[in-house]
Full PDB file with SEQRES, HELIX, SHEET, SSBOND, CRYST1, ORIGX, SCALE, CONECT and MASTER records, all heavy atoms in Angstrom:
SEQRES   1 A   46  ALA GLN HIS GLY GLU THR ALA GLU ARG SER HIS ALA PHE          
SEQRES   2 A   46  ALA GLY SER VAL PHE GLU LEU ARG GLN TYR ALA ALA LEU          
SEQRES   3 A   46  LEU GLN ALA HIS GLY MET THR LEU GLN LEU GLU GLY ASP          
SEQRES   4 A   46  ALA VAL THR GLU GLY SER GLY                                  
HELIX    1 AA1 THR A    6  ALA A   29  1                                  24    
CRYST1    1.000    1.000    1.000  90.00  90.00  90.00 P 1           1          
ORIGX1      1.000000  0.000000  0.000000        0.00000                         
ORIGX2      0.000000  1.000000  0.000000        0.00000                         
ORIGX3      0.000000  0.000000  1.000000        0.00000                         
SCALE1      1.000000  0.000000  0.000000        0.00000                         
SCALE2      0.000000  1.000000  0.000000        0.00000                         
SCALE3      0.000000  0.000000  1.000000        0.00000                         
ATOM      1  N   ALA A   1      -5.761  -3.475 -14.099  1.00  0.00           N  
ATOM      2  CA  ALA A   1      -5.430  -4.606 -14.973  1.00  0.00           C  
ATOM      3  C   ALA A   1      -6.440  -5.741 -14.885  1.00  0.00           C  
ATOM      4  O   ALA A   1      -6.275  -6.781 -15.528  1.00  0.00           O  
ATOM      5  CB  ALA A   1      -4.041  -5.139 -14.617  1.00  0.00           C  
ATOM      6  N   GLN A   2      -7.517  -5.553 -14.079  1.00  0.00           N  
ATOM      7  CA  GLN A   2      -8.508  -6.607 -13.901  1.00  0.00           C  
ATOM      8  C   GLN A   2      -9.635  -6.479 -14.928  1.00  0.00           C  
ATOM      9  O   GLN A   2      -9.728  -5.502 -15.666  1.00  0.00           O  
ATOM     10  CB  GLN A   2      -9.073  -6.563 -12.479  1.00  0.00           C  
ATOM     11  CG  GLN A   2      -8.025  -6.639 -11.379  1.00  0.00           C  
ATOM     12  CD  GLN A   2      -7.115  -7.840 -11.527  1.00  0.00           C  
ATOM     13  OE1 GLN A   2      -7.572  -8.986 -11.585  1.00  0.00           O  
ATOM     14  NE2 GLN A   2      -5.810  -7.586 -11.602  1.00  0.00           N  
ATOM     15  N   HIS A   3     -10.509  -7.471 -14.934  1.00  0.00           N  
ATOM     16  CA  HIS A   3     -11.643  -7.494 -15.852  1.00  0.00           C  
ATOM     17  C   HIS A   3     -12.911  -7.808 -15.064  1.00  0.00           C  
ATOM     18  O   HIS A   3     -12.854  -8.245 -13.926  1.00  0.00           O  
ATOM     19  CB  HIS A   3     -11.434  -8.544 -16.949  1.00  0.00           C  
ATOM     20  CG  HIS A   3     -10.164  -8.356 -17.718  1.00  0.00           C  
ATOM     21  ND1 HIS A   3     -10.017  -7.405 -18.708  1.00  0.00           N  
ATOM     22  CD2 HIS A   3      -8.961  -9.004 -17.627  1.00  0.00           C  
ATOM     23  CE1 HIS A   3      -8.785  -7.464 -19.193  1.00  0.00           C  
ATOM     24  NE2 HIS A   3      -8.126  -8.430 -18.564  1.00  0.00           N  
ATOM     25  N   GLY A   4     -14.065  -7.579 -15.678  1.00  0.00           N  
ATOM     26  CA  GLY A   4     -15.324  -7.925 -15.042  1.00  0.00           C  
ATOM     27  C   GLY A   4     -16.272  -6.744 -14.945  1.00  0.00           C  
ATOM     28  O   GLY A   4     -15.933  -5.606 -15.303  1.00  0.00           O  
ATOM     29  N   GLU A   5     -17.471  -7.013 -14.448  1.00  0.00           N  
ATOM     30  CA  GLU A   5     -18.477  -5.983 -14.287  1.00  0.00           C  
ATOM     31  C   GLU A   5     -18.120  -5.054 -13.129  1.00  0.00           C  
ATOM     32  O   GLU A   5     -17.287  -5.382 -12.285  1.00  0.00           O  
ATOM     33  CB  GLU A   5     -19.845  -6.633 -14.028  1.00  0.00           C  
ATOM     34  CG  GLU A   5     -20.334  -7.520 -15.157  1.00  0.00           C  
ATOM     35  CD  GLU A   5     -20.541  -6.742 -16.446  1.00  0.00           C  
ATOM     36  OE1 GLU A   5     -20.963  -5.575 -16.366  1.00  0.00           O  
ATOM     37  OE2 GLU A   5     -20.268  -7.288 -17.534  1.00  0.00           O  
ATOM     38  N   THR A   6     -18.782  -3.895 -13.094  1.00  0.00           N  
ATOM     39  CA  THR A   6     -18.456  -2.880 -12.095  1.00  0.00           C  
ATOM     40  C   THR A   6     -18.589  -3.411 -10.674  1.00  0.00           C  
ATOM     41  O   THR A   6     -17.696  -3.213  -9.838  1.00  0.00           O  
ATOM     42  CB  THR A   6     -19.360  -1.650 -12.279  1.00  0.00           C  
ATOM     43  OG1 THR A   6     -19.129  -1.085 -13.565  1.00  0.00           O  
ATOM     44  CG2 THR A   6     -19.066  -0.602 -11.216  1.00  0.00           C  
ATOM     45  N   ALA A   7     -19.697  -4.074 -10.375  1.00  0.00           N  
ATOM     46  CA  ALA A   7     -19.914  -4.593  -9.023  1.00  0.00           C  
ATOM     47  C   ALA A   7     -18.833  -5.598  -8.644  1.00  0.00           C  
ATOM     48  O   ALA A   7     -18.325  -5.595  -7.515  1.00  0.00           O  
ATOM     49  CB  ALA A   7     -21.297  -5.227  -8.914  1.00  0.00           C  
ATOM     50  N   GLU A   8     -18.468  -6.438  -9.599  1.00  0.00           N  
ATOM     51  CA  GLU A   8     -17.432  -7.442  -9.354  1.00  0.00           C  
ATOM     52  C   GLU A   8     -16.079  -6.770  -9.109  1.00  0.00           C  
ATOM     53  O   GLU A   8     -15.326  -7.156  -8.215  1.00  0.00           O  
ATOM     54  CB  GLU A   8     -17.351  -8.383 -10.551  1.00  0.00           C  
ATOM     55  CG  GLU A   8     -16.329  -9.491 -10.420  1.00  0.00           C  
ATOM     56  CD  GLU A   8     -16.249 -10.347 -11.672  1.00  0.00           C  
ATOM     57  OE1 GLU A   8     -17.090 -10.141 -12.584  1.00  0.00           O  
ATOM     58  OE2 GLU A   8     -15.355 -11.199 -11.747  1.00  0.00           O  
ATOM     59  N   ARG A   9     -15.788  -5.736  -9.871  1.00  0.00           N  
ATOM     60  CA  ARG A   9     -14.514  -5.039  -9.733  1.00  0.00           C  
ATOM     61  C   ARG A   9     -14.460  -4.274  -8.400  1.00  0.00           C  
ATOM     62  O   ARG A   9     -13.413  -4.227  -7.753  1.00  0.00           O  
ATOM     63  CB  ARG A   9     -14.304  -4.088 -10.911  1.00  0.00           C  
ATOM     64  CG  ARG A   9     -14.095  -4.805 -12.234  1.00  0.00           C  
ATOM     65  CD  ARG A   9     -14.116  -3.829 -13.402  1.00  0.00           C  
ATOM     66  NE  ARG A   9     -12.943  -2.966 -13.398  1.00  0.00           N  
ATOM     67  CZ  ARG A   9     -11.765  -3.271 -13.949  1.00  0.00           C  
ATOM     68  NH1 ARG A   9     -11.616  -4.430 -14.561  1.00  0.00           N  
ATOM     69  NH2 ARG A   9     -10.759  -2.408 -13.927  1.00  0.00           N  
ATOM     70  N   SER A  10     -15.578  -3.681  -8.014  1.00  0.00           N  
ATOM     71  CA  SER A  10     -15.612  -2.967  -6.734  1.00  0.00           C  
ATOM     72  C   SER A  10     -15.359  -3.921  -5.575  1.00  0.00           C  
ATOM     73  O   SER A  10     -14.604  -3.615  -4.644  1.00  0.00           O  
ATOM     74  CB  SER A  10     -16.962  -2.268  -6.550  1.00  0.00           C  
ATOM     75  OG  SER A  10     -17.133  -1.243  -7.498  1.00  0.00           O  
ATOM     76  N   HIS A  11     -16.005  -5.085  -5.641  1.00  0.00           N  
ATOM     77  CA  HIS A  11     -15.808  -6.092  -4.594  1.00  0.00           C  
ATOM     78  C   HIS A  11     -14.349  -6.553  -4.560  1.00  0.00           C  
ATOM     79  O   HIS A  11     -13.764  -6.720  -3.483  1.00  0.00           O  
ATOM     80  CB  HIS A  11     -16.741  -7.275  -4.844  1.00  0.00           C  
ATOM     81  CG  HIS A  11     -16.614  -8.369  -3.832  1.00  0.00           C  
ATOM     82  ND1 HIS A  11     -17.127  -8.267  -2.550  1.00  0.00           N  
ATOM     83  CD2 HIS A  11     -16.012  -9.588  -3.906  1.00  0.00           C  
ATOM     84  CE1 HIS A  11     -16.857  -9.366  -1.888  1.00  0.00           C  
ATOM     85  NE2 HIS A  11     -16.180 -10.187  -2.683  1.00  0.00           N  
ATOM     86  N   ALA A  12     -13.772  -6.767  -5.737  1.00  0.00           N  
ATOM     87  CA  ALA A  12     -12.375  -7.202  -5.810  1.00  0.00           C  
ATOM     88  C   ALA A  12     -11.438  -6.139  -5.261  1.00  0.00           C  
ATOM     89  O   ALA A  12     -10.462  -6.450  -4.575  1.00  0.00           O  
ATOM     90  CB  ALA A  12     -12.011  -7.539  -7.259  1.00  0.00           C  
ATOM     91  N   PHE A  13     -11.728  -4.871  -5.539  1.00  0.00           N  
ATOM     92  CA  PHE A  13     -10.888  -3.792  -5.024  1.00  0.00           C  
ATOM     93  C   PHE A  13     -10.929  -3.759  -3.500  1.00  0.00           C  
ATOM     94  O   PHE A  13      -9.891  -3.614  -2.845  1.00  0.00           O  
ATOM     95  CB  PHE A  13     -11.337  -2.447  -5.587  1.00  0.00           C  
ATOM     96  CG  PHE A  13     -10.559  -1.288  -5.051  1.00  0.00           C  
ATOM     97  CD1 PHE A  13      -9.295  -0.999  -5.534  1.00  0.00           C  
ATOM     98  CD2 PHE A  13     -11.076  -0.491  -4.041  1.00  0.00           C  
ATOM     99  CE1 PHE A  13      -8.552   0.065  -5.024  1.00  0.00           C  
ATOM    100  CE2 PHE A  13     -10.345   0.575  -3.514  1.00  0.00           C  
ATOM    101  CZ  PHE A  13      -9.083   0.847  -4.015  1.00  0.00           C  
ATOM    102  N   ALA A  14     -12.130  -3.893  -2.926  1.00  0.00           N  
ATOM    103  CA  ALA A  14     -12.243  -3.919  -1.467  1.00  0.00           C  
ATOM    104  C   ALA A  14     -11.426  -5.067  -0.890  1.00  0.00           C  
ATOM    105  O   ALA A  14     -10.737  -4.911   0.129  1.00  0.00           O  
ATOM    106  CB  ALA A  14     -13.712  -4.049  -1.060  1.00  0.00           C  
ATOM    107  N   GLY A  15     -11.472  -6.228  -1.553  1.00  0.00           N  
ATOM    108  CA  GLY A  15     -10.676  -7.362  -1.089  1.00  0.00           C  
ATOM    109  C   GLY A  15      -9.195  -7.095  -1.165  1.00  0.00           C  
ATOM    110  O   GLY A  15      -8.423  -7.522  -0.295  1.00  0.00           O  
ATOM    111  N   SER A  16      -8.756  -6.391  -2.196  1.00  0.00           N  
ATOM    112  CA  SER A  16      -7.328  -6.096  -2.321  1.00  0.00           C  
ATOM    113  C   SER A  16      -6.864  -5.143  -1.231  1.00  0.00           C  
ATOM    114  O   SER A  16      -5.738  -5.255  -0.728  1.00  0.00           O  
ATOM    115  CB  SER A  16      -7.033  -5.517  -3.711  1.00  0.00           C  
ATOM    116  OG  SER A  16      -7.511  -4.182  -3.835  1.00  0.00           O  
ATOM    117  N   VAL A  17      -7.725  -4.189  -0.835  1.00  0.00           N  
ATOM    118  CA  VAL A  17      -7.359  -3.282   0.258  1.00  0.00           C  
ATOM    119  C   VAL A  17      -7.328  -4.036   1.588  1.00  0.00           C  
ATOM    120  O   VAL A  17      -6.450  -3.800   2.428  1.00  0.00           O  
ATOM    121  CB  VAL A  17      -8.334  -2.096   0.332  1.00  0.00           C  
ATOM    122  CG1 VAL A  17      -8.055  -1.242   1.571  1.00  0.00           C  
ATOM    123  CG2 VAL A  17      -8.214  -1.232  -0.917  1.00  0.00           C  
ATOM    124  N   PHE A  18      -8.270  -4.956   1.782  1.00  0.00           N  
ATOM    125  CA  PHE A  18      -8.236  -5.789   2.983  1.00  0.00           C  
ATOM    126  C   PHE A  18      -6.919  -6.555   3.050  1.00  0.00           C  
ATOM    127  O   PHE A  18      -6.292  -6.659   4.114  1.00  0.00           O  
ATOM    128  CB  PHE A  18      -9.407  -6.765   2.983  1.00  0.00           C  
ATOM    129  CG  PHE A  18      -9.353  -7.762   4.106  1.00  0.00           C  
ATOM    130  CD1 PHE A  18      -9.710  -7.393   5.395  1.00  0.00           C  
ATOM    131  CD2 PHE A  18      -8.938  -9.064   3.878  1.00  0.00           C  
ATOM    132  CE1 PHE A  18      -9.642  -8.315   6.437  1.00  0.00           C  
ATOM    133  CE2 PHE A  18      -8.865  -9.985   4.906  1.00  0.00           C  
ATOM    134  CZ  PHE A  18      -9.228  -9.611   6.195  1.00  0.00           C  
ATOM    135  N   GLU A  19      -6.486  -7.090   1.929  1.00  0.00           N  
ATOM    136  CA  GLU A  19      -5.226  -7.822   1.875  1.00  0.00           C  
ATOM    137  C   GLU A  19      -4.048  -6.896   2.171  1.00  0.00           C  
ATOM    138  O   GLU A  19      -3.118  -7.264   2.902  1.00  0.00           O  
ATOM    139  CB  GLU A  19      -5.068  -8.466   0.497  1.00  0.00           C  
ATOM    140  CG  GLU A  19      -4.091  -9.610   0.464  1.00  0.00           C  
ATOM    141  CD  GLU A  19      -4.195 -10.382  -0.842  1.00  0.00           C  
ATOM    142  OE1 GLU A  19      -4.143  -9.744  -1.916  1.00  0.00           O  
ATOM    143  OE2 GLU A  19      -4.315 -11.606  -0.801  1.00  0.00           O  
ATOM    144  N   LEU A  20      -4.079  -5.679   1.619  1.00  0.00           N  
ATOM    145  CA  LEU A  20      -3.039  -4.696   1.891  1.00  0.00           C  
ATOM    146  C   LEU A  20      -2.944  -4.433   3.389  1.00  0.00           C  
ATOM    147  O   LEU A  20      -1.848  -4.399   3.969  1.00  0.00           O  
ATOM    148  CB  LEU A  20      -3.340  -3.403   1.140  1.00  0.00           C  
ATOM    149  CG  LEU A  20      -2.429  -2.200   1.408  1.00  0.00           C  
ATOM    150  CD1 LEU A  20      -1.050  -2.447   0.830  1.00  0.00           C  
ATOM    151  CD2 LEU A  20      -3.025  -0.926   0.814  1.00  0.00           C  
ATOM    152  N   ARG A  21      -4.095  -4.244   4.036  1.00  0.00           N  
ATOM    153  CA  ARG A  21      -4.109  -3.988   5.479  1.00  0.00           C  
ATOM    154  C   ARG A  21      -3.563  -5.179   6.258  1.00  0.00           C  
ATOM    155  O   ARG A  21      -2.803  -5.017   7.220  1.00  0.00           O  
ATOM    156  CB  ARG A  21      -5.537  -3.686   5.937  1.00  0.00           C  
ATOM    157  CG  ARG A  21      -6.081  -2.358   5.426  1.00  0.00           C  
ATOM    158  CD  ARG A  21      -7.530  -2.167   5.841  1.00  0.00           C  
ATOM    159  NE  ARG A  21      -8.033  -0.845   5.456  1.00  0.00           N  
ATOM    160  CZ  ARG A  21      -9.261  -0.431   5.683  1.00  0.00           C  
ATOM    161  NH1 ARG A  21     -10.132  -1.226   6.291  1.00  0.00           N  
ATOM    162  NH2 ARG A  21      -9.629   0.785   5.313  1.00  0.00           N  
ATOM    163  N   GLN A  22      -3.965  -6.361   5.846  1.00  0.00           N  
ATOM    164  CA  GLN A  22      -3.526  -7.571   6.527  1.00  0.00           C  
ATOM    165  C   GLN A  22      -2.009  -7.735   6.425  1.00  0.00           C  
ATOM    166  O   GLN A  22      -1.327  -8.004   7.424  1.00  0.00           O  
ATOM    167  CB  GLN A  22      -4.243  -8.772   5.908  1.00  0.00           C  
ATOM    168  CG  GLN A  22      -4.144 -10.068   6.674  1.00  0.00           C  
ATOM    169  CD  GLN A  22      -4.979 -11.150   6.022  1.00  0.00           C  
ATOM    170  OE1 GLN A  22      -5.143 -11.186   4.796  1.00  0.00           O  
ATOM    171  NE2 GLN A  22      -5.510 -12.056   6.813  1.00  0.00           N  
ATOM    172  N   TYR A  23      -1.460  -7.543   5.247  1.00  0.00           N  
ATOM    173  CA  TYR A  23      -0.022  -7.670   5.047  1.00  0.00           C  
ATOM    174  C   TYR A  23       0.731  -6.601   5.823  1.00  0.00           C  
ATOM    175  O   TYR A  23       1.769  -6.873   6.445  1.00  0.00           O  
ATOM    176  CB  TYR A  23       0.313  -7.578   3.555  1.00  0.00           C  
ATOM    177  CG  TYR A  23       0.232  -8.905   2.831  1.00  0.00           C  
ATOM    178  CD1 TYR A  23      -0.968  -9.620   2.791  1.00  0.00           C  
ATOM    179  CD2 TYR A  23       1.329  -9.434   2.177  1.00  0.00           C  
ATOM    180  CE1 TYR A  23      -1.049 -10.830   2.130  1.00  0.00           C  
ATOM    181  CE2 TYR A  23       1.258 -10.643   1.508  1.00  0.00           C  
ATOM    182  CZ  TYR A  23       0.069 -11.339   1.490  1.00  0.00           C  
ATOM    183  OH  TYR A  23      -0.004 -12.541   0.834  1.00  0.00           O  
ATOM    184  N   ALA A  24       0.224  -5.370   5.800  1.00  0.00           N  
ATOM    185  CA  ALA A  24       0.911  -4.282   6.505  1.00  0.00           C  
ATOM    186  C   ALA A  24       0.968  -4.559   7.998  1.00  0.00           C  
ATOM    187  O   ALA A  24       2.014  -4.355   8.644  1.00  0.00           O  
ATOM    188  CB  ALA A  24       0.201  -2.960   6.232  1.00  0.00           C  
ATOM    189  N   ALA A  25      -0.148  -5.022   8.581  1.00  0.00           N  
ATOM    190  CA  ALA A  25      -0.198  -5.277  10.021  1.00  0.00           C  
ATOM    191  C   ALA A  25       0.747  -6.408  10.417  1.00  0.00           C  
ATOM    192  O   ALA A  25       1.479  -6.305  11.417  1.00  0.00           O  
ATOM    193  CB  ALA A  25      -1.628  -5.605  10.444  1.00  0.00           C  
ATOM    194  N   LEU A  26       0.759  -7.479   9.633  1.00  0.00           N  
ATOM    195  CA  LEU A  26       1.611  -8.611   9.975  1.00  0.00           C  
ATOM    196  C   LEU A  26       3.084  -8.300   9.754  1.00  0.00           C  
ATOM    197  O   LEU A  26       3.940  -8.711  10.544  1.00  0.00           O  
ATOM    198  CB  LEU A  26       1.188  -9.840   9.170  1.00  0.00           C  
ATOM    199  CG  LEU A  26      -0.103 -10.497   9.666  1.00  0.00           C  
ATOM    200  CD1 LEU A  26      -0.606 -11.522   8.662  1.00  0.00           C  
ATOM    201  CD2 LEU A  26       0.123 -11.159  11.017  1.00  0.00           C  
ATOM    202  N   LEU A  27       3.398  -7.586   8.698  1.00  0.00           N  
ATOM    203  CA  LEU A  27       4.786  -7.210   8.477  1.00  0.00           C  
ATOM    204  C   LEU A  27       5.283  -6.299   9.598  1.00  0.00           C  
ATOM    205  O   LEU A  27       6.412  -6.446  10.080  1.00  0.00           O  
ATOM    206  CB  LEU A  27       4.945  -6.518   7.120  1.00  0.00           C  
ATOM    207  CG  LEU A  27       4.896  -7.458   5.910  1.00  0.00           C  
ATOM    208  CD1 LEU A  27       4.757  -6.663   4.621  1.00  0.00           C  
ATOM    209  CD2 LEU A  27       6.143  -8.340   5.846  1.00  0.00           C  
ATOM    210  N   GLN A  28       4.448  -5.366  10.036  1.00  0.00           N  
ATOM    211  CA  GLN A  28       4.838  -4.508  11.152  1.00  0.00           C  
ATOM    212  C   GLN A  28       5.089  -5.349  12.407  1.00  0.00           C  
ATOM    213  O   GLN A  28       6.048  -5.108  13.142  1.00  0.00           O  
ATOM    214  CB  GLN A  28       3.752  -3.468  11.421  1.00  0.00           C  
ATOM    215  CG  GLN A  28       4.102  -2.504  12.564  1.00  0.00           C  
ATOM    216  CD  GLN A  28       2.996  -1.511  12.831  1.00  0.00           C  
ATOM    217  OE1 GLN A  28       1.824  -1.826  12.714  1.00  0.00           O  
ATOM    218  NE2 GLN A  28       3.374  -0.298  13.180  1.00  0.00           N  
ATOM    219  N   ALA A  29       4.222  -6.331  12.658  1.00  0.00           N  
ATOM    220  CA  ALA A  29       4.400  -7.191  13.821  1.00  0.00           C  
ATOM    221  C   ALA A  29       5.715  -7.956  13.749  1.00  0.00           C  
ATOM    222  O   ALA A  29       6.353  -8.213  14.776  1.00  0.00           O  
ATOM    223  CB  ALA A  29       3.228  -8.164  13.929  1.00  0.00           C  
ATOM    224  N   HIS A  30       6.132  -8.298  12.540  1.00  0.00           N  
ATOM    225  CA  HIS A  30       7.402  -9.001  12.348  1.00  0.00           C  
ATOM    226  C   HIS A  30       8.589  -8.038  12.193  1.00  0.00           C  
ATOM    227  O   HIS A  30       9.666  -8.449  11.772  1.00  0.00           O  
ATOM    228  CB  HIS A  30       7.328  -9.910  11.122  1.00  0.00           C  
ATOM    229  CG  HIS A  30       6.574 -11.189  11.353  1.00  0.00           C  
ATOM    230  ND1 HIS A  30       7.147 -12.301  11.909  1.00  0.00           N  
ATOM    231  CD2 HIS A  30       5.280 -11.518  11.100  1.00  0.00           C  
ATOM    232  CE1 HIS A  30       6.260 -13.272  11.978  1.00  0.00           C  
ATOM    233  NE2 HIS A  30       5.112 -12.828  11.499  1.00  0.00           N  
ATOM    234  N   GLY A  31       8.365  -6.770  12.503  1.00  0.00           N  
ATOM    235  CA  GLY A  31       9.455  -5.800  12.488  1.00  0.00           C  
ATOM    236  C   GLY A  31       9.844  -5.312  11.112  1.00  0.00           C  
ATOM    237  O   GLY A  31      10.974  -4.859  10.911  1.00  0.00           O  
ATOM    238  N   MET A  32       8.917  -5.359  10.139  1.00  0.00           N  
ATOM    239  CA  MET A  32       9.216  -4.937   8.784  1.00  0.00           C  
ATOM    240  C   MET A  32       8.206  -3.889   8.324  1.00  0.00           C  
ATOM    241  O   MET A  32       7.125  -3.755   8.902  1.00  0.00           O  
ATOM    242  CB  MET A  32       9.202  -6.139   7.835  1.00  0.00           C  
ATOM    243  CG  MET A  32      10.208  -7.211   8.188  1.00  0.00           C  
ATOM    244  SD  MET A  32      10.228  -8.534   6.956  1.00  0.00           S  
ATOM    245  CE  MET A  32      10.887  -7.657   5.531  1.00  0.00           C  
ATOM    246  N   THR A  33       8.550  -3.161   7.280  1.00  0.00           N  
ATOM    247  CA  THR A  33       7.661  -2.142   6.746  1.00  0.00           C  
ATOM    248  C   THR A  33       7.167  -2.549   5.363  1.00  0.00           C  
ATOM    249  O   THR A  33       7.846  -3.260   4.623  1.00  0.00           O  
ATOM    250  CB  THR A  33       8.365  -0.779   6.633  1.00  0.00           C  
ATOM    251  OG1 THR A  33       9.515  -0.915   5.767  1.00  0.00           O  
ATOM    252  CG2 THR A  33       8.824  -0.296   8.000  1.00  0.00           C  
ATOM    253  N   LEU A  34       5.961  -2.084   5.046  1.00  0.00           N  
ATOM    254  CA  LEU A  34       5.371  -2.311   3.732  1.00  0.00           C  
ATOM    255  C   LEU A  34       5.238  -0.978   3.023  1.00  0.00           C  
ATOM    256  O   LEU A  34       4.769  -0.001   3.607  1.00  0.00           O  
ATOM    257  CB  LEU A  34       3.988  -2.958   3.875  1.00  0.00           C  
ATOM    258  CG  LEU A  34       3.208  -3.173   2.576  1.00  0.00           C  
ATOM    259  CD1 LEU A  34       3.904  -4.218   1.706  1.00  0.00           C  
ATOM    260  CD2 LEU A  34       1.777  -3.593   2.870  1.00  0.00           C  
ATOM    261  N   GLN A  35       5.657  -0.934   1.770  1.00  0.00           N  
ATOM    262  CA  GLN A  35       5.527   0.266   0.962  1.00  0.00           C  
ATOM    263  C   GLN A  35       4.860  -0.083  -0.359  1.00  0.00           C  
ATOM    264  O   GLN A  35       4.875  -1.238  -0.788  1.00  0.00           O  
ATOM    265  CB  GLN A  35       6.905   0.890   0.693  1.00  0.00           C  
ATOM    266  CG  GLN A  35       7.599   1.375   1.949  1.00  0.00           C  
ATOM    267  CD  GLN A  35       8.956   1.975   1.654  1.00  0.00           C  
ATOM    268  OE1 GLN A  35       9.984   1.469   2.058  1.00  0.00           O  
ATOM    269  NE2 GLN A  35       8.964   3.087   0.935  1.00  0.00           N  
ATOM    270  N   LEU A  36       4.268   0.918  -0.986  1.00  0.00           N  
ATOM    271  CA  LEU A  36       3.687   0.715  -2.310  1.00  0.00           C  
ATOM    272  C   LEU A  36       4.760   0.833  -3.373  1.00  0.00           C  
ATOM    273  O   LEU A  36       5.688   1.636  -3.246  1.00  0.00           O  
ATOM    274  CB  LEU A  36       2.599   1.761  -2.582  1.00  0.00           C  
ATOM    275  CG  LEU A  36       1.350   1.724  -1.694  1.00  0.00           C  
ATOM    276  CD1 LEU A  36       0.395   2.836  -2.104  1.00  0.00           C  
ATOM    277  CD2 LEU A  36       0.655   0.367  -1.771  1.00  0.00           C  
ATOM    278  N   GLU A  37       4.638   0.030  -4.402  1.00  0.00           N  
ATOM    279  CA  GLU A  37       5.546   0.149  -5.532  1.00  0.00           C  
ATOM    280  C   GLU A  37       5.309   1.492  -6.239  1.00  0.00           C  
ATOM    281  O   GLU A  37       4.189   1.994  -6.286  1.00  0.00           O  
ATOM    282  CB  GLU A  37       5.307  -0.984  -6.531  1.00  0.00           C  
ATOM    283  CG  GLU A  37       5.839  -2.337  -6.074  1.00  0.00           C  
ATOM    284  CD  GLU A  37       7.338  -2.476  -6.284  1.00  0.00           C  
ATOM    285  OE1 GLU A  37       8.017  -1.457  -6.514  1.00  0.00           O  
ATOM    286  OE2 GLU A  37       7.831  -3.621  -6.222  1.00  0.00           O  
ATOM    287  N   GLY A  38       6.363   2.052  -6.800  1.00  0.00           N  
ATOM    288  CA  GLY A  38       6.246   3.303  -7.536  1.00  0.00           C  
ATOM    289  C   GLY A  38       7.155   4.375  -6.973  1.00  0.00           C  
ATOM    290  O   GLY A  38       7.669   4.260  -5.858  1.00  0.00           O  
ATOM    291  N   ASP A  39       7.349   5.423  -7.766  1.00  0.00           N  
ATOM    292  CA  ASP A  39       8.254   6.501  -7.360  1.00  0.00           C  
ATOM    293  C   ASP A  39       7.566   7.542  -6.485  1.00  0.00           C  
ATOM    294  O   ASP A  39       8.139   8.044  -5.534  1.00  0.00           O  
ATOM    295  CB  ASP A  39       8.838   7.187  -8.606  1.00  0.00           C  
ATOM    296  CG  ASP A  39       9.691   6.236  -9.439  1.00  0.00           C  
ATOM    297  OD1 ASP A  39      10.343   5.357  -8.826  1.00  0.00           O  
ATOM    298  OD2 ASP A  39       9.688   6.362 -10.668  1.00  0.00           O  
ATOM    299  N   ALA A  40       6.314   7.875  -6.800  1.00  0.00           N  
ATOM    300  CA  ALA A  40       5.635   8.971  -6.103  1.00  0.00           C  
ATOM    301  C   ALA A  40       4.724   8.424  -5.012  1.00  0.00           C  
ATOM    302  O   ALA A  40       3.512   8.634  -5.010  1.00  0.00           O  
ATOM    303  CB  ALA A  40       4.843   9.813  -7.087  1.00  0.00           C  
ATOM    304  N   VAL A  41       5.302   7.667  -4.074  1.00  0.00           N  
ATOM    305  CA  VAL A  41       4.515   7.108  -2.979  1.00  0.00           C  
ATOM    306  C   VAL A  41       5.028   7.649  -1.655  1.00  0.00           C  
ATOM    307  O   VAL A  41       6.210   7.975  -1.507  1.00  0.00           O  
ATOM    308  CB  VAL A  41       4.571   5.565  -2.972  1.00  0.00           C  
ATOM    309  CG1 VAL A  41       3.940   5.003  -4.230  1.00  0.00           C  
ATOM    310  CG2 VAL A  41       6.002   5.068  -2.817  1.00  0.00           C  
ATOM    311  N   THR A  42       4.124   7.776  -0.719  1.00  0.00           N  
ATOM    312  CA  THR A  42       4.468   8.246   0.623  1.00  0.00           C  
ATOM    313  C   THR A  42       3.794   7.342   1.638  1.00  0.00           C  
ATOM    314  O   THR A  42       2.865   6.600   1.323  1.00  0.00           O  
ATOM    315  CB  THR A  42       4.013   9.702   0.840  1.00  0.00           C  
ATOM    316  OG1 THR A  42       2.613   9.795   0.520  1.00  0.00           O  
ATOM    317  CG2 THR A  42       4.783  10.656  -0.021  1.00  0.00           C  
ATOM    318  N   GLU A  43       4.262   7.409   2.866  1.00  0.00           N  
ATOM    319  CA  GLU A  43       3.678   6.615   3.938  1.00  0.00           C  
ATOM    320  C   GLU A  43       3.672   7.423   5.219  1.00  0.00           C  
ATOM    321  O   GLU A  43       4.491   8.321   5.418  1.00  0.00           O  
ATOM    322  CB  GLU A  43       4.458   5.316   4.145  1.00  0.00           C  
ATOM    323  CG  GLU A  43       5.915   5.524   4.543  1.00  0.00           C  
ATOM    324  CD  GLU A  43       6.636   4.213   4.760  1.00  0.00           C  
ATOM    325  OE1 GLU A  43       6.133   3.399   5.551  1.00  0.00           O  
ATOM    326  OE2 GLU A  43       7.702   4.016   4.145  1.00  0.00           O  
ATOM    327  N   GLY A  44       2.722   7.111   6.064  1.00  0.00           N  
ATOM    328  CA  GLY A  44       2.638   7.720   7.372  1.00  0.00           C  
ATOM    329  C   GLY A  44       2.316   6.655   8.392  1.00  0.00           C  
ATOM    330  O   GLY A  44       2.349   5.456   8.093  1.00  0.00           O  
ATOM    331  N   SER A  45       1.990   7.050   9.590  1.00  0.00           N  
ATOM    332  CA  SER A  45       1.655   6.091  10.633  1.00  0.00           C  
ATOM    333  C   SER A  45       0.276   5.507  10.361  1.00  0.00           C  
ATOM    334  O   SER A  45      -0.750   6.113  10.641  1.00  0.00           O  
ATOM    335  CB  SER A  45       1.672   6.782  11.999  1.00  0.00           C  
ATOM    336  OG  SER A  45       1.337   5.877  13.020  1.00  0.00           O  
ATOM    337  N   GLY A  46       0.265   4.325   9.753  1.00  0.00           N  
ATOM    338  CA  GLY A  46      -0.994   3.646   9.503  1.00  0.00           C  
ATOM    339  C   GLY A  46      -1.646   3.945   8.168  1.00  0.00           C  
ATOM    340  O   GLY A  46      -2.817   3.610   7.976  1.00  0.00           O  
TER     341      GLY A  46                                                      
MASTER        0    0    0    1    0    0    0    6  340    1    0    4          
END                                                                             
């Protein structure tokens, strides 16, 4: 759903994954789990 040139979009995607990792780690520390939105999603240890 984003816009911009390829290099800009690649950089933004990397930032979004960094944010995903950051949220997952902190939520786990607070005793909570993070899942992806959607029906066909799975999760494992890490």
